């Protein structure tokens, strides 16, 4: 299976590449849209500010290739801010940034005593999840201050930090995680292997 990790200037590209390579996938890190369009699976990581990630994505026309892949029923996996940019808007530091609008809803600051939410957390896995098969009771590694909440028309896996938020979504060929599977040890490796197997 050929997997492309989209390089748009954000994200833990090398750790994502290594983690995906361990599943047996043939992994390329690139900003080449042709390779991104043709791969069996496209992974869109992201760290840092929502607005900066959207600027980077727009600069390499990453949103276009993501939309095109989804229209053609070709798998896409978003990680951390790579999940957040799938939504309609990000509200960060008083600034509203338009997202890709693939998923309905906004990404806003967590209402919690301690922000950022950093560390290991259990998740409440959506019934029928393919992504979490075999790791339903495991903990995953989160580092974030912002999140989406209720998400319509998806298999929604949630976690709690001050409030319940979207930890992962699955909808057809689209999957995304707020946590970092590439930093989540054996559970994260198992989840990535599940995704690769489904390509």
Protein backbone atom coordinates (compact mmCIF):
# COMPACT_ATOMS: atom_id res chain seq x y z
CA UNK A 1 0.00 0.00 0.00
CA UNK A 2 1.31 3.44 -0.94
CA UNK A 3 0.70 6.12 1.69
CA UNK A 4 1.56 9.80 1.31
CA UNK A 5 2.13 12.02 4.36
CA UNK A 6 1.31 15.51 3.10
CA UNK A 7 4.13 17.98 3.71
CA UNK A 8 2.65 21.47 4.00
CA UNK A 9 5.04 22.82 6.62
CA UNK A 10 3.26 21.47 9.70
CA UNK A 11 3.10 18.26 11.66
CA UNK A 12 5.33 15.52 12.99
CA UNK A 13 6.17 14.35 9.50
CA UNK A 14 9.05 12.01 10.34
CA UNK A 15 7.38 10.38 13.35
CA UNK A 16 4.21 9.86 11.27
CA UNK A 17 6.33 8.44 8.44
CA UNK A 18 8.13 6.02 10.79
CA UNK A 19 4.93 4.87 12.50
CA UNK A 20 3.18 4.24 9.19
CA UNK A 21 6.22 2.46 7.74
CA UNK A 22 6.09 0.02 10.66
CA UNK A 23 2.64 -1.09 9.44
CA UNK A 24 4.28 -2.31 6.22
CA UNK A 25 3.01 0.59 4.10
CA UNK A 26 5.24 2.21 1.46
CA UNK A 27 5.35 5.78 2.86
CA UNK A 28 6.38 9.00 1.10
CA UNK A 29 6.51 12.46 2.71
CA UNK A 30 5.82 15.02 -0.01
CA UNK A 31 3.97 18.17 -1.08
CA UNK A 32 3.54 16.69 -4.59
CA UNK A 33 -0.21 16.84 -5.28
CA UNK A 34 -0.05 14.20 -8.00
CA UNK A 35 1.48 11.69 -5.59
CA UNK A 36 -0.99 12.76 -2.89
CA UNK A 37 -3.90 12.24 -5.29
CA UNK A 38 -2.73 8.82 -6.49
CA UNK A 39 -1.65 7.21 -3.21
CA UNK A 40 -3.76 4.47 -1.67
CA UNK A 41 -3.99 6.58 1.50
CA UNK A 42 -3.29 10.24 2.32
CA UNK A 43 -2.28 11.29 5.85
CA UNK A 44 -2.59 14.96 6.84
CA UNK A 45 -0.79 15.65 10.14
CA UNK A 46 -0.75 19.02 11.88
CA UNK A 47 0.64 20.76 14.94
CA UNK A 48 0.51 24.34 16.19
CA UNK A 49 -2.01 27.04 15.38
CA UNK A 50 -5.11 26.42 13.26
CA UNK A 51 -4.56 29.57 11.16
CA UNK A 52 -0.94 28.64 10.41
CA UNK A 53 -1.94 25.12 9.37
CA UNK A 54 -4.64 26.47 7.04
CA UNK A 55 -2.14 28.90 5.49
CA UNK A 56 0.27 26.03 4.88
CA UNK A 57 -2.46 23.79 3.44
CA UNK A 58 -3.73 26.54 1.16
CA UNK A 59 -0.19 27.29 -0.03
CA UNK A 60 0.24 23.73 -1.37
CA UNK A 61 -3.45 23.35 -2.36
CA UNK A 62 -3.78 20.54 0.16
CA UNK A 63 -7.49 21.15 0.72
CA UNK A 64 -8.17 20.64 -2.98
CA UNK A 65 -6.49 17.24 -3.06
CA UNK A 66 -8.30 16.19 0.14
CA UNK A 67 -11.71 17.16 -1.27
CA UNK A 68 -10.92 15.44 -4.60
CA UNK A 69 -9.84 12.24 -2.86
CA UNK A 70 -13.00 12.13 -0.74
CA UNK A 71 -15.20 12.71 -3.80
CA UNK A 72 -13.45 9.75 -5.46
CA UNK A 73 -13.81 7.59 -2.32
CA UNK A 74 -10.04 7.53 -1.65
CA UNK A 75 -8.97 7.33 2.03
CA UNK A 76 -7.78 10.37 4.01
CA UNK A 77 -6.55 10.36 7.63
CA UNK A 78 -6.20 13.65 9.55
CA UNK A 79 -4.11 13.83 12.74
CA UNK A 80 -4.38 16.51 15.48
CA UNK A 81 -4.69 19.90 13.73
CA UNK A 82 -4.99 17.81 10.56
CA UNK A 83 -8.33 16.73 12.03
CA UNK A 84 -9.31 20.23 13.18
CA UNK A 85 -8.92 21.80 9.71
CA UNK A 86 -11.61 19.40 8.40
CA UNK A 87 -14.22 21.52 10.21
CA UNK A 88 -15.86 24.74 9.05
CA UNK A 89 -14.04 27.15 11.36
CA UNK A 90 -11.29 27.43 13.92
CA UNK A 91 -11.66 30.04 16.68
CA UNK A 92 -8.25 30.62 18.21
CA UNK A 93 -6.80 33.63 20.11
CA UNK A 94 -9.88 35.67 19.16
CA UNK A 95 -9.25 34.95 15.49
CA UNK A 96 -11.71 33.09 13.27
CA UNK A 97 -10.15 31.05 10.45
CA UNK A 98 -12.11 29.28 7.73
CA UNK A 99 -11.44 25.55 7.63
CA UNK A 100 -12.04 23.08 4.82
CA UNK A 101 -15.71 22.57 5.65
CA UNK A 102 -15.56 18.81 5.09
CA UNK A 103 -17.14 18.33 8.54
CA UNK A 104 -19.80 20.53 10.15
CA UNK A 105 -18.90 22.52 13.25
CA UNK A 106 -16.28 24.73 14.88
CA UNK A 107 -13.03 24.07 16.70
CA UNK A 108 -12.82 26.10 19.91
CA UNK A 109 -10.80 26.27 23.11
CA UNK A 110 -11.33 23.47 25.60
CA UNK A 111 -13.26 24.49 28.70
CA UNK A 112 -11.00 22.76 31.24
CA UNK A 113 -9.09 23.66 34.43
CA UNK A 114 -5.77 22.88 32.72
CA UNK A 115 -5.10 23.73 29.08
CA UNK A 116 -3.39 22.42 27.02
CA UNK A 117 -4.68 18.91 27.46
CA UNK A 118 -1.41 17.01 27.39
CA UNK A 119 -0.96 13.33 28.12
CA UNK A 120 -2.63 9.95 27.96
CA UNK A 121 -6.41 9.61 27.88
CA UNK A 122 -8.94 6.85 27.41
CA UNK A 123 -11.56 7.32 24.69
CA UNK A 124 -15.20 6.33 24.39
CA UNK A 125 -15.13 4.39 21.11
CA UNK A 126 -18.00 4.71 18.66
CA UNK A 127 -19.98 1.55 18.11
CA UNK A 128 -18.94 -0.12 14.86
CA UNK A 129 -15.56 1.64 14.67
CA UNK A 130 -13.08 0.02 12.28
CA UNK A 131 -10.27 2.36 13.35
CA UNK A 132 -10.36 1.24 17.00
CA UNK A 133 -10.94 -2.48 16.43
CA UNK A 134 -8.82 -4.29 19.03
CA UNK A 135 -7.87 -1.15 20.99
CA UNK A 136 -11.24 -0.16 22.44
CA UNK A 137 -10.03 0.11 26.06
CA UNK A 138 -6.62 1.66 25.38
CA UNK A 139 -5.23 5.13 26.10
CA UNK A 140 -3.93 7.54 23.48
CA UNK A 141 -1.60 10.54 23.62
CA UNK A 142 -3.14 14.02 23.31
CA UNK A 143 -1.52 17.46 23.05
CA UNK A 144 -4.07 20.18 22.26
CA UNK A 145 -5.89 23.24 23.58
CA UNK A 146 -8.73 23.27 21.03
CA UNK A 147 -11.24 20.68 19.86
CA UNK A 148 -14.54 20.02 18.11
CA UNK A 149 -17.52 18.82 20.12
CA UNK A 150 -20.63 17.15 18.67
CA UNK A 151 -20.11 16.17 15.04
CA UNK A 152 -23.15 15.17 12.95
CA UNK A 153 -23.25 12.24 10.52
CA UNK A 154 -20.04 10.50 11.60
CA UNK A 155 -18.94 7.64 13.85
CA UNK A 156 -17.81 9.82 16.75
CA UNK A 157 -15.29 8.64 19.33
CA UNK A 158 -15.05 11.03 22.28
CA UNK A 159 -12.72 11.77 25.19
CA UNK A 160 -13.07 14.01 28.22
CA UNK A 161 -10.84 16.78 29.54
CA UNK A 162 -12.95 19.30 31.42
CA UNK A 163 -15.67 18.54 28.88
CA UNK A 164 -16.46 15.87 26.31
CA UNK A 165 -14.83 16.51 22.93
CA UNK A 166 -14.30 14.77 19.59
CA UNK A 167 -11.32 12.41 19.89
CA UNK A 168 -11.80 10.75 16.49
CA UNK A 169 -14.23 10.60 13.60
CA UNK A 170 -14.94 8.04 10.91
CA UNK A 171 -17.13 8.64 7.87
CA UNK A 172 -16.68 6.39 4.86
CA UNK A 173 -13.11 6.85 3.59
CA UNK A 174 -12.48 9.81 5.93
CA UNK A 175 -10.92 9.22 9.34
CA UNK A 176 -9.28 11.61 11.79
CA UNK A 177 -7.89 11.63 15.30
CA UNK A 178 -7.40 14.53 17.71
CA UNK A 179 -4.71 12.49 19.49
CA UNK A 180 -1.36 11.48 18.01
CA UNK A 181 -1.44 7.77 17.05
CA UNK A 182 2.25 8.01 16.08
CA UNK A 183 3.06 8.91 19.71
CA UNK A 184 0.56 6.50 21.31
CA UNK A 185 2.75 3.40 21.61
CA UNK A 186 1.31 -0.02 20.79
CA UNK A 187 -2.30 1.22 20.77
CA UNK A 188 -1.47 3.92 18.23
CA UNK A 189 0.50 1.46 16.10
CA UNK A 190 -2.47 -0.92 16.13
CA UNK A 191 -4.84 1.89 15.12
CA UNK A 192 -2.60 2.93 12.21
CA UNK A 193 -2.34 -0.71 11.12
CA UNK A 194 -6.16 -0.89 11.16
CA UNK A 195 -6.30 2.16 8.91
CA UNK A 196 -3.68 0.82 6.48
CA UNK A 197 -5.46 -2.55 6.31
CA UNK A 198 -8.62 -0.73 5.27
CA UNK A 199 -7.01 1.02 2.29
